[in-house]
N, C-alpha and C. Protein backbone atom coordinates (compact mmCIF):
# COMPACT_ATOMS: atom_id res chain seq x y z
N UNK A 1 49.91 9.92 11.91
CA UNK A 1 50.26 9.11 10.76
C UNK A 1 49.06 8.21 10.42
N UNK A 2 48.63 8.22 9.17
CA UNK A 2 47.47 7.40 8.80
C UNK A 2 47.77 5.90 8.91
N UNK A 3 46.72 5.17 9.21
CA UNK A 3 46.84 3.72 9.31
C UNK A 3 46.82 3.10 7.92
N UNK A 4 47.48 1.97 7.77
CA UNK A 4 47.48 1.27 6.49
C UNK A 4 46.18 0.51 6.31
N UNK A 5 45.60 0.06 7.42
CA UNK A 5 44.34 -0.67 7.39
C UNK A 5 43.17 0.32 7.38
N UNK A 6 42.36 0.35 6.29
CA UNK A 6 41.27 1.34 6.21
C UNK A 6 40.23 1.19 7.32
N UNK A 7 39.97 -0.03 7.77
CA UNK A 7 39.00 -0.24 8.85
C UNK A 7 39.51 0.36 10.15
N UNK A 8 40.79 0.18 10.39
CA UNK A 8 41.39 0.74 11.61
C UNK A 8 41.37 2.27 11.56
N UNK A 9 41.60 2.82 10.37
CA UNK A 9 41.57 4.28 10.20
C UNK A 9 40.15 4.81 10.46
N UNK A 10 39.13 4.11 9.92
CA UNK A 10 37.75 4.52 10.14
C UNK A 10 37.42 4.52 11.62
N UNK A 11 37.83 3.46 12.31
CA UNK A 11 37.55 3.36 13.75
C UNK A 11 38.24 4.49 14.51
N UNK A 12 39.48 4.79 14.12
CA UNK A 12 40.21 5.89 14.76
C UNK A 12 39.47 7.21 14.55
N UNK A 13 39.04 7.47 13.31
CA UNK A 13 38.32 8.70 13.01
C UNK A 13 37.02 8.79 13.81
N UNK A 14 36.27 7.67 13.85
CA UNK A 14 35.02 7.63 14.58
C UNK A 14 35.24 7.97 16.06
N UNK A 15 36.26 7.36 16.63
CA UNK A 15 36.56 7.58 18.04
C UNK A 15 37.00 9.03 18.27
N UNK A 16 37.82 9.56 17.38
CA UNK A 16 38.29 10.93 17.52
C UNK A 16 37.13 11.92 17.50
N UNK A 17 36.21 11.74 16.53
CA UNK A 17 35.10 12.69 16.42
C UNK A 17 34.11 12.52 17.57
N UNK A 18 34.00 11.32 18.14
CA UNK A 18 33.15 11.15 19.33
C UNK A 18 33.74 11.95 20.50
N UNK A 19 35.06 11.89 20.64
CA UNK A 19 35.72 12.58 21.75
C UNK A 19 35.76 14.10 21.55
N UNK A 20 35.74 14.57 20.32
CA UNK A 20 35.87 16.00 20.03
C UNK A 20 34.64 16.57 19.32
N UNK A 21 33.48 16.02 19.63
CA UNK A 21 32.25 16.40 18.94
C UNK A 21 31.93 17.89 19.10
N UNK A 22 32.02 18.40 20.32
CA UNK A 22 31.67 19.80 20.58
C UNK A 22 32.59 20.76 19.82
N UNK A 23 33.89 20.47 19.87
CA UNK A 23 34.84 21.34 19.17
C UNK A 23 34.60 21.32 17.66
N UNK A 24 34.31 20.13 17.13
CA UNK A 24 34.07 19.98 15.70
C UNK A 24 32.84 20.77 15.27
N UNK A 25 31.74 20.65 16.06
CA UNK A 25 30.53 21.41 15.75
C UNK A 25 30.76 22.90 15.85
N UNK A 26 31.47 23.33 16.89
CA UNK A 26 31.76 24.76 17.07
C UNK A 26 32.56 25.29 15.87
N UNK A 27 33.54 24.50 15.42
CA UNK A 27 34.33 24.92 14.26
C UNK A 27 33.46 25.03 13.02
N UNK A 28 32.55 24.05 12.83
CA UNK A 28 31.65 24.09 11.68
C UNK A 28 30.75 25.31 11.70
N UNK A 29 30.19 25.64 12.86
CA UNK A 29 29.33 26.82 12.99
C UNK A 29 30.11 28.10 12.73
N UNK A 30 31.32 28.16 13.30
CA UNK A 30 32.17 29.34 13.11
C UNK A 30 32.51 29.52 11.63
N UNK A 31 32.85 28.41 10.97
CA UNK A 31 33.20 28.45 9.55
C UNK A 31 32.00 28.88 8.71
N UNK A 32 30.81 28.33 9.04
CA UNK A 32 29.60 28.69 8.30
C UNK A 32 29.29 30.17 8.46
N UNK A 33 29.33 30.66 9.70
CA UNK A 33 29.02 32.08 9.94
C UNK A 33 30.02 33.00 9.26
N UNK A 34 31.29 32.57 9.21
CA UNK A 34 32.33 33.38 8.56
C UNK A 34 32.10 33.43 7.05
N UNK A 35 31.63 32.34 6.46
CA UNK A 35 31.48 32.24 5.01
C UNK A 35 30.01 32.13 4.58
N UNK A 36 29.10 32.66 5.39
CA UNK A 36 27.67 32.48 5.15
C UNK A 36 27.25 32.95 3.76
N UNK A 37 27.72 34.12 3.36
CA UNK A 37 27.34 34.67 2.05
C UNK A 37 27.80 33.75 0.92
N UNK A 38 29.01 33.24 1.03
CA UNK A 38 29.55 32.35 0.01
C UNK A 38 28.74 31.04 -0.05
N UNK A 39 28.43 30.50 1.11
CA UNK A 39 27.67 29.24 1.17
C UNK A 39 26.30 29.44 0.55
N UNK A 40 25.63 30.52 0.91
CA UNK A 40 24.29 30.78 0.37
C UNK A 40 24.34 31.03 -1.13
N UNK A 41 25.37 31.71 -1.61
CA UNK A 41 25.51 31.95 -3.05
C UNK A 41 25.69 30.62 -3.78
N UNK A 42 26.51 29.74 -3.22
CA UNK A 42 26.72 28.44 -3.85
C UNK A 42 25.42 27.64 -3.91
N UNK A 43 24.62 27.75 -2.84
CA UNK A 43 23.34 27.05 -2.84
C UNK A 43 22.42 27.61 -3.92
N UNK A 44 22.41 28.93 -4.06
CA UNK A 44 21.56 29.55 -5.08
C UNK A 44 22.02 29.14 -6.48
N UNK A 45 23.33 29.08 -6.67
CA UNK A 45 23.85 28.64 -7.97
C UNK A 45 23.45 27.19 -8.23
N UNK A 46 23.57 26.35 -7.19
CA UNK A 46 23.23 24.93 -7.34
C UNK A 46 21.78 24.77 -7.75
N UNK A 47 20.90 25.54 -7.14
CA UNK A 47 19.48 25.42 -7.44
C UNK A 47 19.02 26.38 -8.53
N UNK A 48 19.91 27.23 -9.02
CA UNK A 48 19.56 28.21 -10.04
C UNK A 48 18.36 29.05 -9.59
N UNK A 49 18.32 29.31 -8.29
CA UNK A 49 17.22 30.12 -7.77
C UNK A 49 15.90 29.37 -7.72
N UNK A 50 15.87 28.13 -8.14
CA UNK A 50 14.63 27.37 -8.18
C UNK A 50 14.84 26.04 -7.46
N UNK A 51 14.26 25.92 -6.29
CA UNK A 51 14.44 24.71 -5.49
C UNK A 51 13.87 23.50 -6.22
N UNK A 52 12.74 23.64 -6.86
CA UNK A 52 12.12 22.51 -7.58
C UNK A 52 13.03 21.99 -8.69
N UNK A 53 13.72 22.91 -9.37
CA UNK A 53 14.64 22.49 -10.42
C UNK A 53 15.79 21.68 -9.82
N UNK A 54 16.30 22.12 -8.68
CA UNK A 54 17.37 21.40 -7.99
C UNK A 54 16.91 20.01 -7.57
N UNK A 55 15.69 19.92 -7.04
CA UNK A 55 15.16 18.63 -6.63
C UNK A 55 14.96 17.72 -7.84
N UNK A 56 14.49 18.29 -8.93
CA UNK A 56 14.29 17.50 -10.15
C UNK A 56 15.62 16.92 -10.63
N UNK A 57 16.66 17.76 -10.62
CA UNK A 57 17.99 17.29 -11.05
C UNK A 57 18.51 16.20 -10.12
N UNK A 58 18.27 16.37 -8.83
CA UNK A 58 18.72 15.39 -7.85
C UNK A 58 18.00 14.05 -8.07
N UNK A 59 16.69 14.10 -8.31
CA UNK A 59 15.93 12.87 -8.58
C UNK A 59 16.41 12.21 -9.87
N UNK A 60 16.71 13.02 -10.87
CA UNK A 60 17.20 12.49 -12.15
C UNK A 60 18.55 11.80 -11.96
N UNK A 61 19.42 12.41 -11.16
CA UNK A 61 20.73 11.84 -10.89
C UNK A 61 20.57 10.49 -10.17
N UNK A 62 19.65 10.43 -9.20
CA UNK A 62 19.39 9.18 -8.47
C UNK A 62 18.82 8.11 -9.41
N UNK A 63 17.93 8.53 -10.32
CA UNK A 63 17.33 7.59 -11.27
C UNK A 63 18.40 6.99 -12.17
N UNK A 64 19.30 7.83 -12.65
CA UNK A 64 20.38 7.34 -13.52
C UNK A 64 21.29 6.37 -12.76
N UNK A 65 21.57 6.68 -11.50
CA UNK A 65 22.40 5.78 -10.69
C UNK A 65 21.72 4.42 -10.56
N UNK A 66 20.42 4.43 -10.27
CA UNK A 66 19.68 3.17 -10.13
C UNK A 66 19.69 2.38 -11.44
N UNK A 67 19.63 3.09 -12.57
CA UNK A 67 19.67 2.42 -13.87
C UNK A 67 21.03 1.78 -14.12
N UNK A 68 22.09 2.49 -13.77
CA UNK A 68 23.44 2.01 -14.06
C UNK A 68 23.91 0.93 -13.08
N UNK A 69 23.39 0.94 -11.85
CA UNK A 69 23.86 0.02 -10.82
C UNK A 69 22.70 -0.74 -10.18
N UNK A 70 21.92 -1.48 -10.96
CA UNK A 70 20.74 -2.15 -10.38
C UNK A 70 21.10 -3.20 -9.32
N UNK A 71 22.25 -3.88 -9.49
CA UNK A 71 22.63 -4.91 -8.52
C UNK A 71 22.96 -4.29 -7.17
N UNK A 72 23.72 -3.18 -7.19
CA UNK A 72 24.08 -2.51 -5.95
C UNK A 72 22.84 -1.99 -5.22
N UNK A 73 21.94 -1.39 -5.99
CA UNK A 73 20.72 -0.82 -5.40
C UNK A 73 19.85 -1.93 -4.82
N UNK A 74 19.71 -3.04 -5.55
CA UNK A 74 18.90 -4.16 -5.07
C UNK A 74 19.50 -4.75 -3.80
N UNK A 75 20.81 -4.89 -3.77
CA UNK A 75 21.47 -5.47 -2.58
C UNK A 75 21.30 -4.54 -1.38
N UNK A 76 21.47 -3.24 -1.62
CA UNK A 76 21.33 -2.27 -0.53
C UNK A 76 19.90 -2.24 -0.01
N UNK A 77 18.93 -2.29 -0.93
CA UNK A 77 17.51 -2.28 -0.54
C UNK A 77 17.18 -3.54 0.24
N UNK A 78 17.65 -4.69 -0.23
CA UNK A 78 17.37 -5.96 0.45
C UNK A 78 17.96 -5.96 1.85
N UNK A 79 19.17 -5.46 1.96
CA UNK A 79 19.83 -5.39 3.27
C UNK A 79 19.04 -4.47 4.22
N UNK A 80 18.59 -3.34 3.71
CA UNK A 80 17.83 -2.40 4.52
C UNK A 80 16.49 -3.01 4.94
N UNK A 81 15.85 -3.74 4.04
CA UNK A 81 14.58 -4.40 4.36
C UNK A 81 14.76 -5.43 5.47
N UNK A 82 15.87 -6.15 5.44
CA UNK A 82 16.13 -7.15 6.47
C UNK A 82 16.46 -6.51 7.81
N UNK A 83 17.17 -5.39 7.77
CA UNK A 83 17.58 -4.73 9.00
C UNK A 83 16.44 -3.90 9.62
N UNK A 84 15.51 -3.41 8.81
CA UNK A 84 14.45 -2.53 9.29
C UNK A 84 13.07 -2.94 8.77
N UNK A 85 12.60 -4.15 9.11
CA UNK A 85 11.30 -4.60 8.58
C UNK A 85 10.13 -3.73 9.05
N UNK A 86 10.19 -3.23 10.29
CA UNK A 86 9.11 -2.37 10.80
C UNK A 86 8.97 -1.11 9.96
N UNK A 87 10.11 -0.50 9.61
CA UNK A 87 10.07 0.74 8.83
C UNK A 87 9.40 0.49 7.49
N UNK A 88 9.77 -0.60 6.82
CA UNK A 88 9.21 -0.91 5.51
C UNK A 88 7.72 -1.21 5.61
N UNK A 89 7.32 -1.94 6.66
CA UNK A 89 5.91 -2.27 6.84
C UNK A 89 5.09 -1.00 7.08
N UNK A 90 5.57 -0.13 7.96
CA UNK A 90 4.84 1.10 8.27
C UNK A 90 4.77 2.01 7.05
N UNK A 91 5.87 2.07 6.30
CA UNK A 91 5.91 2.91 5.10
C UNK A 91 4.92 2.41 4.04
N UNK A 92 4.89 1.10 3.84
CA UNK A 92 3.98 0.52 2.84
C UNK A 92 2.52 0.72 3.26
N UNK A 93 2.24 0.55 4.55
CA UNK A 93 0.87 0.73 5.04
C UNK A 93 0.42 2.18 4.87
N UNK A 94 1.29 3.10 5.16
CA UNK A 94 0.96 4.52 5.01
C UNK A 94 0.69 4.85 3.53
N UNK A 95 1.52 4.29 2.65
CA UNK A 95 1.34 4.52 1.21
C UNK A 95 0.01 3.94 0.72
N UNK A 96 -0.32 2.71 1.18
CA UNK A 96 -1.61 2.11 0.79
C UNK A 96 -2.78 2.94 1.29
N UNK A 97 -2.69 3.42 2.52
CA UNK A 97 -3.77 4.25 3.09
C UNK A 97 -3.92 5.54 2.28
N UNK A 98 -2.81 6.10 1.86
CA UNK A 98 -2.86 7.33 1.05
C UNK A 98 -3.49 7.05 -0.31
N UNK A 99 -3.13 5.93 -0.92
CA UNK A 99 -3.68 5.58 -2.23
C UNK A 99 -5.19 5.32 -2.16
N UNK A 100 -5.64 4.82 -1.01
CA UNK A 100 -7.06 4.50 -0.85
C UNK A 100 -7.84 5.65 -0.21
N UNK A 101 -7.20 6.81 -0.14
CA UNK A 101 -7.83 8.04 0.36
C UNK A 101 -8.41 7.89 1.76
N UNK A 102 -7.60 7.39 2.69
CA UNK A 102 -8.03 7.29 4.09
C UNK A 102 -8.29 8.70 4.62
N UNK A 103 -9.39 8.90 5.38
CA UNK A 103 -9.71 10.24 5.86
C UNK A 103 -8.61 10.82 6.76
N UNK A 104 -7.99 9.98 7.60
CA UNK A 104 -6.87 10.41 8.43
C UNK A 104 -5.75 9.41 8.22
N UNK A 105 -4.55 9.92 7.95
CA UNK A 105 -3.41 9.06 7.66
C UNK A 105 -2.21 9.58 8.44
N UNK A 106 -2.23 9.41 9.78
CA UNK A 106 -1.18 10.02 10.58
C UNK A 106 -0.40 9.06 11.47
N UNK A 107 -0.53 7.76 11.26
CA UNK A 107 0.22 6.80 12.07
C UNK A 107 1.67 6.81 11.64
N UNK A 108 2.58 6.88 12.62
CA UNK A 108 4.00 6.83 12.28
C UNK A 108 4.65 5.60 12.90
N UNK A 109 5.89 5.35 12.59
CA UNK A 109 6.59 4.15 13.01
C UNK A 109 6.69 4.07 14.54
N UNK A 110 6.97 5.18 15.19
CA UNK A 110 7.08 5.18 16.66
C UNK A 110 5.75 4.79 17.30
N UNK A 111 4.66 5.29 16.75
CA UNK A 111 3.34 4.93 17.28
C UNK A 111 3.05 3.45 17.07
N UNK A 112 3.39 2.92 15.90
CA UNK A 112 3.16 1.50 15.63
C UNK A 112 3.97 0.64 16.60
N UNK A 113 5.21 1.02 16.85
CA UNK A 113 6.03 0.27 17.79
C UNK A 113 5.43 0.33 19.21
N UNK A 114 4.91 1.49 19.58
CA UNK A 114 4.30 1.63 20.90
C UNK A 114 3.02 0.79 21.00
N UNK A 115 2.23 0.75 19.94
CA UNK A 115 1.01 -0.09 19.94
C UNK A 115 1.39 -1.54 20.19
N UNK A 116 2.41 -2.03 19.47
CA UNK A 116 2.84 -3.42 19.66
C UNK A 116 3.33 -3.65 21.09
N UNK A 117 4.04 -2.68 21.62
CA UNK A 117 4.56 -2.79 22.98
C UNK A 117 3.42 -2.86 24.00
N UNK A 118 2.42 -2.01 23.85
CA UNK A 118 1.27 -1.99 24.77
C UNK A 118 0.55 -3.33 24.76
N UNK A 119 0.40 -3.93 23.59
CA UNK A 119 -0.29 -5.22 23.49
C UNK A 119 0.65 -6.40 23.75
N UNK A 120 1.87 -6.11 24.17
CA UNK A 120 2.82 -7.18 24.52
C UNK A 120 3.29 -8.01 23.34
N UNK A 121 3.32 -7.41 22.14
CA UNK A 121 3.72 -8.10 20.91
C UNK A 121 2.87 -9.36 20.70
N UNK A 122 1.59 -9.26 21.01
CA UNK A 122 0.66 -10.37 20.84
C UNK A 122 -0.44 -9.97 19.87
N UNK A 123 -0.94 -10.97 19.15
CA UNK A 123 -2.09 -10.76 18.28
C UNK A 123 -3.30 -10.50 19.18
N UNK A 124 -4.11 -9.48 18.88
CA UNK A 124 -5.25 -9.16 19.73
C UNK A 124 -6.35 -10.21 19.64
N UNK A 125 -6.36 -11.01 18.60
CA UNK A 125 -7.42 -12.00 18.41
C UNK A 125 -7.06 -13.37 19.00
N UNK A 126 -5.89 -13.91 18.66
CA UNK A 126 -5.54 -15.25 19.12
C UNK A 126 -4.54 -15.24 20.29
N UNK A 127 -4.04 -14.07 20.66
CA UNK A 127 -3.12 -13.88 21.79
C UNK A 127 -1.76 -14.56 21.64
N UNK A 128 -1.40 -14.96 20.41
CA UNK A 128 -0.08 -15.55 20.20
C UNK A 128 0.97 -14.45 20.18
N UNK A 129 2.09 -14.70 20.84
CA UNK A 129 3.19 -13.75 20.82
C UNK A 129 3.98 -13.97 19.54
N UNK A 130 4.17 -12.91 18.76
CA UNK A 130 4.79 -13.04 17.45
C UNK A 130 5.88 -11.98 17.28
N UNK A 131 6.88 -12.31 16.47
CA UNK A 131 7.89 -11.32 16.09
C UNK A 131 7.30 -10.37 15.06
N UNK A 132 6.60 -10.95 14.11
CA UNK A 132 6.09 -10.19 12.97
C UNK A 132 4.58 -10.06 13.09
N UNK A 133 4.10 -8.86 13.39
CA UNK A 133 2.67 -8.59 13.48
C UNK A 133 2.26 -7.66 12.35
N UNK A 134 1.00 -7.75 11.94
CA UNK A 134 0.49 -6.86 10.90
C UNK A 134 -0.43 -5.83 11.52
N UNK A 135 -0.62 -4.73 10.80
CA UNK A 135 -1.53 -3.68 11.25
C UNK A 135 -2.94 -4.06 10.82
N UNK A 136 -3.83 -4.24 11.78
CA UNK A 136 -5.22 -4.54 11.46
C UNK A 136 -6.05 -3.29 11.72
N UNK A 137 -6.70 -2.80 10.69
CA UNK A 137 -7.59 -1.65 10.84
C UNK A 137 -8.94 -2.17 11.33
N UNK A 138 -9.37 -1.71 12.51
CA UNK A 138 -10.65 -2.17 13.06
C UNK A 138 -11.79 -1.84 12.11
N UNK A 139 -11.83 -0.58 11.65
CA UNK A 139 -12.74 -0.20 10.57
C UNK A 139 -11.89 -0.15 9.31
N UNK A 140 -12.08 -1.06 8.38
CA UNK A 140 -11.21 -1.12 7.20
C UNK A 140 -11.21 0.21 6.42
N UNK A 141 -10.07 0.51 5.83
CA UNK A 141 -9.95 1.73 5.03
C UNK A 141 -10.96 1.70 3.89
N UNK A 142 -11.20 0.51 3.34
CA UNK A 142 -12.16 0.40 2.24
C UNK A 142 -13.58 0.77 2.67
N UNK A 143 -13.84 0.75 3.98
CA UNK A 143 -15.16 1.11 4.48
C UNK A 143 -15.14 2.42 5.25
N UNK A 144 -14.16 3.28 4.93
CA UNK A 144 -14.12 4.62 5.52
C UNK A 144 -13.27 4.75 6.77
N UNK A 145 -12.54 3.73 7.13
CA UNK A 145 -11.69 3.78 8.31
C UNK A 145 -10.44 4.61 8.07
N UNK A 146 -9.81 5.02 9.14
CA UNK A 146 -8.61 5.84 9.00
C UNK A 146 -7.36 5.05 9.40
N UNK A 147 -6.22 5.57 9.01
CA UNK A 147 -4.93 4.95 9.32
C UNK A 147 -4.33 5.73 10.48
N UNK A 148 -4.90 5.51 11.67
CA UNK A 148 -4.49 6.26 12.85
C UNK A 148 -4.45 5.36 14.07
N UNK A 149 -3.86 5.83 15.14
CA UNK A 149 -3.64 5.04 16.35
C UNK A 149 -4.92 4.39 16.87
N UNK A 150 -6.02 5.14 16.87
CA UNK A 150 -7.25 4.62 17.47
C UNK A 150 -7.97 3.60 16.58
N UNK A 151 -7.47 3.35 15.38
CA UNK A 151 -8.13 2.40 14.48
C UNK A 151 -7.25 1.19 14.16
N UNK A 152 -6.06 1.11 14.76
CA UNK A 152 -5.13 0.03 14.42
C UNK A 152 -4.78 -0.80 15.65
N UNK A 153 -4.80 -2.11 15.47
CA UNK A 153 -4.37 -3.05 16.51
C UNK A 153 -3.41 -4.05 15.87
N UNK A 154 -2.51 -4.64 16.67
CA UNK A 154 -1.60 -5.64 16.11
C UNK A 154 -2.32 -6.99 15.94
N UNK A 155 -2.05 -7.62 14.82
CA UNK A 155 -2.70 -8.89 14.52
C UNK A 155 -1.71 -9.78 13.77
N UNK A 156 -1.80 -11.09 14.00
CA UNK A 156 -0.95 -11.99 13.23
C UNK A 156 -1.51 -12.05 11.80
N UNK A 157 -0.70 -12.48 10.88
CA UNK A 157 -1.11 -12.51 9.47
C UNK A 157 -2.32 -13.41 9.27
N UNK A 158 -2.36 -14.53 9.99
CA UNK A 158 -3.47 -15.46 9.85
C UNK A 158 -4.80 -14.82 10.26
N UNK A 159 -4.83 -14.20 11.43
CA UNK A 159 -6.08 -13.58 11.91
C UNK A 159 -6.47 -12.38 11.04
N UNK A 160 -5.49 -11.61 10.61
CA UNK A 160 -5.78 -10.45 9.78
C UNK A 160 -6.37 -10.90 8.43
N UNK A 161 -5.85 -12.02 7.91
CA UNK A 161 -6.37 -12.54 6.65
C UNK A 161 -7.80 -13.07 6.82
N UNK A 162 -8.09 -13.71 7.96
CA UNK A 162 -9.45 -14.21 8.22
C UNK A 162 -10.44 -13.05 8.28
N UNK A 163 -10.02 -11.97 8.95
CA UNK A 163 -10.90 -10.82 9.12
C UNK A 163 -11.14 -10.12 7.78
N UNK A 164 -10.09 -9.98 6.99
CA UNK A 164 -10.12 -9.30 5.70
C UNK A 164 -10.75 -7.91 5.87
N UNK A 165 -11.87 -7.62 5.24
CA UNK A 165 -12.49 -6.31 5.41
C UNK A 165 -13.85 -6.45 6.11
N UNK A 166 -13.99 -7.54 6.88
CA UNK A 166 -15.24 -7.77 7.60
C UNK A 166 -15.20 -7.23 9.02
N UNK A 167 -16.09 -7.75 9.84
CA UNK A 167 -16.16 -7.36 11.24
C UNK A 167 -14.98 -7.94 12.01
N UNK A 168 -14.66 -7.32 13.16
CA UNK A 168 -13.57 -7.83 13.99
C UNK A 168 -13.91 -9.23 14.47
N UNK A 169 -12.90 -10.07 14.65
CA UNK A 169 -13.10 -11.46 15.03
C UNK A 169 -13.60 -11.60 16.47
N UNK A 170 -13.19 -10.70 17.33
CA UNK A 170 -13.70 -10.65 18.70
C UNK A 170 -13.57 -9.21 19.18
N UNK A 171 -14.38 -8.77 20.15
CA UNK A 171 -14.33 -7.38 20.59
C UNK A 171 -12.93 -6.98 21.06
N UNK A 172 -12.50 -5.81 20.60
CA UNK A 172 -11.15 -5.32 20.90
C UNK A 172 -11.27 -3.87 21.32
N UNK A 173 -10.52 -3.51 22.37
CA UNK A 173 -10.45 -2.10 22.79
C UNK A 173 -9.21 -1.49 22.16
N UNK A 174 -9.38 -0.58 21.20
CA UNK A 174 -8.20 0.05 20.60
C UNK A 174 -7.57 1.05 21.55
N UNK A 175 -6.36 1.44 21.28
CA UNK A 175 -5.71 2.48 22.06
C UNK A 175 -6.40 3.80 21.77
N UNK A 176 -6.79 4.49 22.82
CA UNK A 176 -7.46 5.76 22.60
C UNK A 176 -6.46 6.91 22.71
N UNK A 177 -5.49 6.78 23.57
CA UNK A 177 -4.49 7.82 23.72
C UNK A 177 -3.11 7.18 23.72
N UNK A 178 -2.22 7.74 22.96
CA UNK A 178 -0.84 7.30 22.98
C UNK A 178 0.00 8.54 23.14
N UNK A 179 0.72 8.63 24.22
CA UNK A 179 1.56 9.80 24.48
C UNK A 179 2.97 9.54 23.97
N UNK A 180 3.38 10.30 22.97
CA UNK A 180 4.75 10.17 22.45
C UNK A 180 5.48 11.47 22.62
């Protein structure tokens, strides 16, 4: 019997699927294999045989939603930014490196988190322990540096701003190998 309280119903469903995860997945695989031709046909119809056209329509639908519901989108984005500041910082840094044509642009969020962990969440220049550290490129991207593990160290905003695109403030040994 369904619960009258929607939150209680959600919790019940969550708990049920946690307890029956294997059976649920097995049923989904069995259902997919039984109806594989139908599923694939529906996908072809959805994309009209052209994946790019399907992606274009999907982007257009998302754009229209953002136009119609700017408050909801802004609130959701703000909430996500507050909950995941590292993800937003790494994403923005990667985008800037791409725009500035960095020769290598392969740093990911897990690597950035590991770099901060190795340095003890401290600025490499002033040794202050900080919650919020910035990515300091030892060789600036503007001077041919890359956006990769061996060229990035954690730095506080103050020290990174002092350095700008000049020489490092004090000698630093970057991470040469990071095993992930």
